C-alpha cells in the first residue's frame, strides 16, 4: 500500500492536472465566444441584429390558457 505521503502527492498532482484542464476548457470557450461575437458584429452590416439578440422575445401567444 501507499504511504499517506505518496497518496497525498499523487492526489495533489491529479487535482492540479484537472484544474489545468478546466482552465484550458474555460479559455477555449471564452475564445470561441469572443470570435463568434466579433463575427456577428463584423458581419452585421445590413442585418437587423436578430442573431445578436436571439434570446429575446418568445411565443406570441400563450401556450396554456390562463387559470380562471
PDB file of N, CA and C in Angstrom:
ATOM      1  N   UNK A   1       0.830  -1.186   0.000  1.00  0.00           N
ATOM      2  CA  UNK A   1       0.000   0.000   0.000  1.00  0.00           C
ATOM      3  C   UNK A   1       0.875   1.251   0.000  1.00  0.00           C
ATOM      4  N   UNK A   2       0.276   2.291  -0.495  1.00  0.00           N
ATOM      5  CA  UNK A   2       0.979   3.564  -0.491  1.00  0.00           C
ATOM      6  C   UNK A   2       0.992   4.157   0.913  1.00  0.00           C
ATOM      7  N   UNK A   3       2.042   4.813   1.183  1.00  0.00           N
ATOM      8  CA  UNK A   3       2.069   5.585   2.421  1.00  0.00           C
ATOM      9  C   UNK A   3       1.210   6.830   2.192  1.00  0.00           C
ATOM     10  N   UNK A   4       0.793   7.458   3.248  1.00  0.00           N
ATOM     11  CA  UNK A   4      -0.083   8.620   3.127  1.00  0.00           C
ATOM     12  C   UNK A   4       0.573   9.710   2.298  1.00  0.00           C
ATOM     13  N   UNK A   5       1.869   9.927   2.489  1.00  0.00           N
ATOM     14  CA  UNK A   5       2.565  10.975   1.743  1.00  0.00           C
ATOM     15  C   UNK A   5       2.543  10.700   0.244  1.00  0.00           C
ATOM     16  N   UNK A   6       2.726   9.428  -0.133  1.00  0.00           N
ATOM     17  CA  UNK A   6       2.687   9.084  -1.557  1.00  0.00           C
ATOM     18  C   UNK A   6       1.288   9.309  -2.125  1.00  0.00           C
ATOM     19  N   UNK A   7       0.292   8.872  -1.381  1.00  0.00           N
ATOM     20  CA  UNK A   7      -1.088   9.067  -1.822  1.00  0.00           C
ATOM     21  C   UNK A   7      -1.404  10.556  -1.962  1.00  0.00           C
ATOM     22  N   UNK A   8      -0.998  11.332  -0.975  1.00  0.00           N
ATOM     23  CA  UNK A   8      -1.263  12.762  -0.995  1.00  0.00           C
ATOM     24  C   UNK A   8      -0.584  13.422  -2.196  1.00  0.00           C
ATOM     25  N   UNK A   9       0.641  13.016  -2.481  1.00  0.00           N
ATOM     26  CA  UNK A   9       1.371  13.569  -3.614  1.00  0.00           C
ATOM     27  C   UNK A   9       0.679  13.228  -4.935  1.00  0.00           C
ATOM     28  N   UNK A  10       0.239  11.976  -5.079  1.00  0.00           N
ATOM     29  CA  UNK A  10      -0.442  11.567  -6.302  1.00  0.00           C
ATOM     30  C   UNK A  10      -1.780  12.304  -6.468  1.00  0.00           C
ATOM     31  N   UNK A  11      -2.506  12.414  -5.369  1.00  0.00           N
ATOM     32  CA  UNK A  11      -3.808  13.087  -5.419  1.00  0.00           C
ATOM     33  C   UNK A  11      -3.628  14.573  -5.747  1.00  0.00           C
ATOM     34  N   UNK A  12      -2.633  15.206  -5.171  1.00  0.00           N
ATOM     35  CA  UNK A  12      -2.374  16.615  -5.461  1.00  0.00           C
ATOM     36  C   UNK A  12      -2.026  16.819  -6.931  1.00  0.00           C
ATOM     37  N   UNK A  13      -1.218  15.931  -7.469  1.00  0.00           N
ATOM     38  CA  UNK A  13      -0.856  16.027  -8.884  1.00  0.00           C
ATOM     39  C   UNK A  13      -2.090  15.847  -9.766  1.00  0.00           C
ATOM     40  N   UNK A  14      -2.946  14.911  -9.398  1.00  0.00           N
ATOM     41  CA  UNK A  14      -4.171  14.683 -10.163  1.00  0.00           C
ATOM     42  C   UNK A  14      -5.076  15.920 -10.121  1.00  0.00           C
ATOM     43  N   UNK A  15      -5.223  16.514  -8.947  1.00  0.00           N
ATOM     44  CA  UNK A  15      -6.056  17.712  -8.818  1.00  0.00           C
ATOM     45  C   UNK A  15      -5.481  18.875  -9.619  1.00  0.00           C
ATOM     46  N   UNK A  16      -4.172  19.006  -9.643  1.00  0.00           N
ATOM     47  CA  UNK A  16      -3.540  20.065 -10.444  1.00  0.00           C
ATOM     48  C   UNK A  16      -3.793  19.850 -11.934  1.00  0.00           C
ATOM     49  N   UNK A  17      -3.707  18.590 -12.382  1.00  0.00           N
ATOM     50  CA  UNK A  17      -3.986  18.295 -13.799  1.00  0.00           C
ATOM     51  C   UNK A  17      -5.439  18.622 -14.143  1.00  0.00           C
ATOM     52  N   UNK A  18      -6.368  18.246 -13.269  1.00  0.00           N
ATOM     53  CA  UNK A  18      -7.775  18.543 -13.511  1.00  0.00           C
ATOM     54  C   UNK A  18      -8.033  20.050 -13.551  1.00  0.00           C
ATOM     55  N   UNK A  19      -7.398  20.786 -12.655  1.00  0.00           N
ATOM     56  CA  UNK A  19      -7.567  22.238 -12.628  1.00  0.00           C
ATOM     57  C   UNK A  19      -7.007  22.871 -13.901  1.00  0.00           C
ATOM     58  N   UNK A  20      -5.863  22.385 -14.362  1.00  0.00           N
ATOM     59  CA  UNK A  20      -5.269  22.907 -15.586  1.00  0.00           C
ATOM     60  C   UNK A  20      -6.169  22.608 -16.787  1.00  0.00           C
ATOM     61  N   UNK A  21      -6.733  21.399 -16.819  1.00  0.00           N
ATOM     62  CA  UNK A  21      -7.639  21.037 -17.908  1.00  0.00           C
ATOM     63  C   UNK A  21      -8.877  21.935 -17.891  1.00  0.00           C
ATOM     64  N   UNK A  22      -9.419  22.197 -16.714  1.00  0.00           N
ATOM     65  CA  UNK A  22     -10.591  23.063 -16.599  1.00  0.00           C
ATOM     66  C   UNK A  22     -10.254  24.485 -17.059  1.00  0.00           C
ATOM     67  N   UNK A  23      -9.073  24.969 -16.717  1.00  0.00           N
ATOM     68  CA  UNK A  23      -8.658  26.298 -17.179  1.00  0.00           C
ATOM     69  C   UNK A  23      -8.559  26.355 -18.696  1.00  0.00           C
ATOM     70  N   UNK A  24      -7.994  25.308 -19.292  1.00  0.00           N
ATOM     71  CA  UNK A  24      -7.869  25.280 -20.752  1.00  0.00           C
ATOM     72  C   UNK A  24      -9.245  25.261 -21.421  1.00  0.00           C
ATOM     73  N   UNK A  25     -10.175  24.504 -20.855  1.00  0.00           N
ATOM     74  CA  UNK A  25     -11.526  24.445 -21.414  1.00  0.00           C
ATOM     75  C   UNK A  25     -12.197  25.809 -21.321  1.00  0.00           C
ATOM     76  N   UNK A  26     -12.076  26.468 -20.162  1.00  0.00           N
ATOM     77  CA  UNK A  26     -12.675  27.796 -20.000  1.00  0.00           C
ATOM     78  C   UNK A  26     -12.074  28.791 -20.981  1.00  0.00           C
ATOM     79  N   UNK A  27     -10.757  28.727 -21.157  1.00  0.00           N
ATOM     80  CA  UNK A  27     -10.094  29.641 -22.080  1.00  0.00           C
ATOM     81  C   UNK A  27     -10.550  29.399 -23.518  1.00  0.00           C
ATOM     82  N   UNK A  28     -10.669  28.132 -23.914  1.00  0.00           N
ATOM     83  CA  UNK A  28     -11.125  27.818 -25.268  1.00  0.00           C
ATOM     84  C   UNK A  28     -12.556  28.285 -25.477  1.00  0.00           C
ATOM     85  N   UNK A  29     -13.405  28.100 -24.475  1.00  0.00           N
ATOM     86  CA  UNK A  29     -14.795  28.549 -24.576  1.00  0.00           C
ATOM     87  C   UNK A  29     -14.862  30.060 -24.685  1.00  0.00           C
ATOM     88  N   UNK A  30     -14.091  30.747 -23.861  1.00  0.00           N
ATOM     89  CA  UNK A  30     -14.070  32.202 -23.886  1.00  0.00           C
ATOM     90  C   UNK A  30     -13.591  32.710 -25.248  1.00  0.00           C
ATOM     91  N   UNK A  31     -12.564  32.069 -25.799  1.00  0.00           N
ATOM     92  CA  UNK A  31     -12.033  32.468 -27.102  1.00  0.00           C
ATOM     93  C   UNK A  31     -13.063  32.248 -28.196  1.00  0.00           C
ATOM     94  N   UNK A  32     -13.755  31.100 -28.150  1.00  0.00           N
ATOM     95  CA  UNK A  32     -14.770  30.811 -29.166  1.00  0.00           C
ATOM     96  C   UNK A  32     -15.917  31.807 -29.086  1.00  0.00           C
ATOM     97  N   UNK A  33     -16.346  32.140 -27.885  1.00  0.00           N
ATOM     98  CA  UNK A  33     -17.422  33.133 -27.726  1.00  0.00           C
ATOM     99  C   UNK A  33     -17.004  34.487 -28.265  1.00  0.00           C
ATOM    100  N   UNK A  34     -15.770  34.886 -27.954  1.00  0.00           N
ATOM    101  CA  UNK A  34     -15.278  36.174 -28.440  1.00  0.00           C
ATOM    102  C   UNK A  34     -15.219  36.187 -29.968  1.00  0.00           C
ATOM    103  N   UNK A  35     -14.807  35.082 -30.566  1.00  0.00           N
ATOM    104  CA  UNK A  35     -14.735  35.010 -32.025  1.00  0.00           C
ATOM    105  C   UNK A  35     -16.129  35.097 -32.635  1.00  0.00           C
ATOM    106  N   UNK A  36     -17.101  34.395 -32.036  1.00  0.00           N
ATOM    107  CA  UNK A  36     -18.471  34.474 -32.546  1.00  0.00           C
ATOM    108  C   UNK A  36     -19.021  35.891 -32.408  1.00  0.00           C
ATOM    109  N   UNK A  37     -18.745  36.512 -31.272  1.00  0.00           N
ATOM    110  CA  UNK A  37     -19.226  37.873 -31.037  1.00  0.00           C
ATOM    111  C   UNK A  37     -18.629  38.829 -32.072  1.00  0.00           C
ATOM    112  N   UNK A  38     -17.341  38.678 -32.335  1.00  0.00           N
ATOM    113  CA  UNK A  38     -16.674  39.530 -33.319  1.00  0.00           C
ATOM    114  C   UNK A  38     -17.252  39.291 -34.706  1.00  0.00           C
ATOM    115  N   UNK A  39     -17.492  38.020 -35.053  1.00  0.00           N
ATOM    116  CA  UNK A  39     -18.065  37.701 -36.354  1.00  0.00           C
ATOM    117  C   UNK A  39     -19.454  38.307 -36.507  1.00  0.00           C
ATOM    118  N   UNK A  40     -20.266  38.204 -35.457  1.00  0.00           N
ATOM    119  CA  UNK A  40     -21.622  38.757 -35.519  1.00  0.00           C
ATOM    120  C   UNK A  40     -21.591  40.262 -35.683  1.00  0.00           C
ATOM    121  N   UNK A  41     -20.735  40.915 -34.935  1.00  0.00           N
ATOM    122  CA  UNK A  41     -20.661  42.372 -35.024  1.00  0.00           C
ATOM    123  C   UNK A  41     -20.072  42.810 -36.353  1.00  0.00           C
ATOM    124  N   UNK A  42     -19.078  42.077 -36.846  1.00  0.00           N
ATOM    125  CA  UNK A  42     -18.414  42.452 -38.094  1.00  0.00           C
ATOM    126  C   UNK A  42     -19.278  42.201 -39.305  1.00  0.00           C
ATOM    127  N   UNK A  43     -20.064  41.118 -39.299  1.00  0.00           N
ATOM    128  CA  UNK A  43     -20.856  40.792 -40.478  1.00  0.00           C
ATOM    129  C   UNK A  43     -22.290  41.269 -40.331  1.00  0.00           C
ATOM    130  N   UNK A  44     -22.561  42.098 -39.354  1.00  0.00           N
ATOM    131  CA  UNK A  44     -23.924  42.537 -39.092  1.00  0.00           C
ATOM    132  C   UNK A  44     -24.392  43.683 -39.966  1.00  0.00           C
ATOM    133  N   UNK A  45     -23.574  44.127 -40.889  1.00  0.00           N
ATOM    134  CA  UNK A  45     -23.971  45.246 -41.736  1.00  0.00           C
ATOM    135  C   UNK A  45     -25.133  44.820 -42.621  1.00  0.00           C
ATOM    136  N   UNK A  46     -26.219  45.570 -42.548  1.00  0.00           N
ATOM    137  CA  UNK A  46     -27.371  45.264 -43.368  1.00  0.00           C
ATOM    138  C   UNK A  46     -28.340  44.294 -42.728  1.00  0.00           C
ATOM    139  N   UNK A  47     -27.997  43.733 -41.589  1.00  0.00           N
ATOM    140  CA  UNK A  47     -28.901  42.824 -40.902  1.00  0.00           C
ATOM    141  C   UNK A  47     -29.585  43.576 -39.778  1.00  0.00           C
ATOM    142  N   UNK A  48     -30.671  42.993 -39.282  1.00  0.00           N
ATOM    143  CA  UNK A  48     -31.402  43.663 -38.213  1.00  0.00           C
ATOM    144  C   UNK A  48     -30.889  43.298 -36.832  1.00  0.00           C
ATOM    145  N   UNK A  49     -29.825  42.514 -36.756  1.00  0.00           N
ATOM    146  CA  UNK A  49     -29.250  42.172 -35.465  1.00  0.00           C
ATOM    147  C   UNK A  49     -30.015  41.082 -34.735  1.00  0.00           C
ATOM    148  N   UNK A  50     -30.798  40.301 -35.439  1.00  0.00           N
ATOM    149  CA  UNK A  50     -31.592  39.255 -34.798  1.00  0.00           C
ATOM    150  C   UNK A  50     -30.694  38.185 -34.187  1.00  0.00           C
ATOM    151  N   UNK A  51     -29.571  37.917 -34.806  1.00  0.00           N
ATOM    152  CA  UNK A  51     -28.663  36.920 -34.249  1.00  0.00           C
ATOM    153  C   UNK A  51     -28.111  37.363 -32.907  1.00  0.00           C
ATOM    154  N   UNK A  52     -27.797  38.626 -32.788  1.00  0.00           N
ATOM    155  CA  UNK A  52     -27.193  39.128 -31.566  1.00  0.00           C
ATOM    156  C   UNK A  52     -28.182  39.079 -30.407  1.00  0.00           C
ATOM    157  N   UNK A  53     -29.463  39.125 -30.690  1.00  0.00           N
ATOM    158  CA  UNK A  53     -30.473  39.112 -29.641  1.00  0.00           C
ATOM    159  C   UNK A  53     -31.355  37.874 -29.774  1.00  0.00           C
ATOM    160  N   UNK A  54     -30.747  36.730 -29.897  1.00  0.00           N
ATOM    161  CA  UNK A  54     -31.506  35.516 -30.147  1.00  0.00           C
ATOM    162  C   UNK A  54     -32.317  35.058 -28.949  1.00  0.00           C
ATOM    163  N   UNK A  55     -32.017  35.553 -27.754  1.00  0.00           N
ATOM    164  CA  UNK A  55     -32.720  35.094 -26.567  1.00  0.00           C
ATOM    165  C   UNK A  55     -33.853  36.025 -26.149  1.00  0.00           C
ATOM    166  N   UNK A  56     -34.151  37.002 -26.953  1.00  0.00           N
ATOM    167  CA  UNK A  56     -35.230  37.917 -26.594  1.00  0.00           C
ATOM    168  C   UNK A  56     -36.523  37.457 -27.233  1.00  0.00           C
ATOM    169  N   UNK A  57     -37.622  37.979 -26.768  1.00  0.00           N
ATOM    170  CA  UNK A  57     -38.902  37.631 -27.352  1.00  0.00           C
ATOM    171  C   UNK A  57     -39.403  36.294 -26.821  1.00  0.00           C
ATOM    172  N   UNK A  58     -40.206  35.664 -27.577  1.00  0.00           N
ATOM    173  CA  UNK A  58     -40.775  34.385 -27.173  1.00  0.00           C
ATOM    174  C   UNK A  58     -42.006  34.115 -28.005  1.00  0.00           C
ATOM    175  N   UNK A  59     -42.792  33.146 -27.592  1.00  0.00           N
ATOM    176  CA  UNK A  59     -44.007  32.853 -28.368  1.00  0.00           C
ATOM    177  C   UNK A  59     -44.984  34.032 -28.293  1.00  0.00           C
ATOM    178  N   UNK A  60     -45.653  34.269 -29.383  1.00  0.00           N
ATOM    179  CA  UNK A  60     -46.563  35.409 -29.452  1.00  0.00           C
ATOM    180  C   UNK A  60     -47.855  35.155 -28.681  1.00  0.00           C
ATOM    181  N   UNK A  61     -48.277  33.917 -28.623  1.00  0.00           N
ATOM    182  CA  UNK A  61     -49.486  33.624 -27.865  1.00  0.00           C
ATOM    183  C   UNK A  61     -49.147  32.660 -26.747  1.00  0.00           C
ATOM    184  N   UNK A  62     -49.994  32.610 -25.774  1.00  0.00           N
ATOM    185  CA  UNK A  62     -49.737  31.765 -24.609  1.00  0.00           C
ATOM    186  C   UNK A  62     -49.823  30.293 -24.983  1.00  0.00           C
ATOM    187  N   UNK A  63     -49.017  29.500 -24.347  1.00  0.00           N
ATOM    188  CA  UNK A  63     -49.061  28.061 -24.598  1.00  0.00           C
ATOM    189  C   UNK A  63     -50.252  27.434 -23.893  1.00  0.00           C
ATOM    190  N   UNK A  64     -50.592  27.933 -22.745  1.00  0.00           N
ATOM    191  CA  UNK A  64     -51.687  27.387 -21.961  1.00  0.00           C
ATOM    192  C   UNK A  64     -52.706  28.482 -21.691  1.00  0.00           C
ATOM    193  N   UNK A  65     -53.940  28.101 -21.541  1.00  0.00           N
ATOM    194  CA  UNK A  65     -54.942  29.100 -21.201  1.00  0.00           C
ATOM    195  C   UNK A  65     -54.768  29.517 -19.747  1.00  0.00           C
ATOM    196  N   UNK A  66     -55.007  30.804 -19.452  1.00  0.00           N
ATOM    197  CA  UNK A  66     -54.839  31.261 -18.072  1.00  0.00           C
ATOM    198  C   UNK A  66     -55.908  30.646 -17.170  1.00  0.00           C
ATOM    199  N   UNK A  67     -55.546  30.465 -15.921  1.00  0.00           N
ATOM    200  CA  UNK A  67     -56.486  29.898 -14.968  1.00  0.00           C
ATOM    201  C   UNK A  67     -57.601  30.892 -14.694  1.00  0.00           C
ATOM    202  N   UNK A  68     -58.812  30.372 -14.531  1.00  0.00           N
ATOM    203  CA  UNK A  68     -59.964  31.254 -14.289  1.00  0.00           C
ATOM    204  C   UNK A  68     -60.035  31.691 -12.838  1.00  0.00           C
TER     205      UNK A  68
END
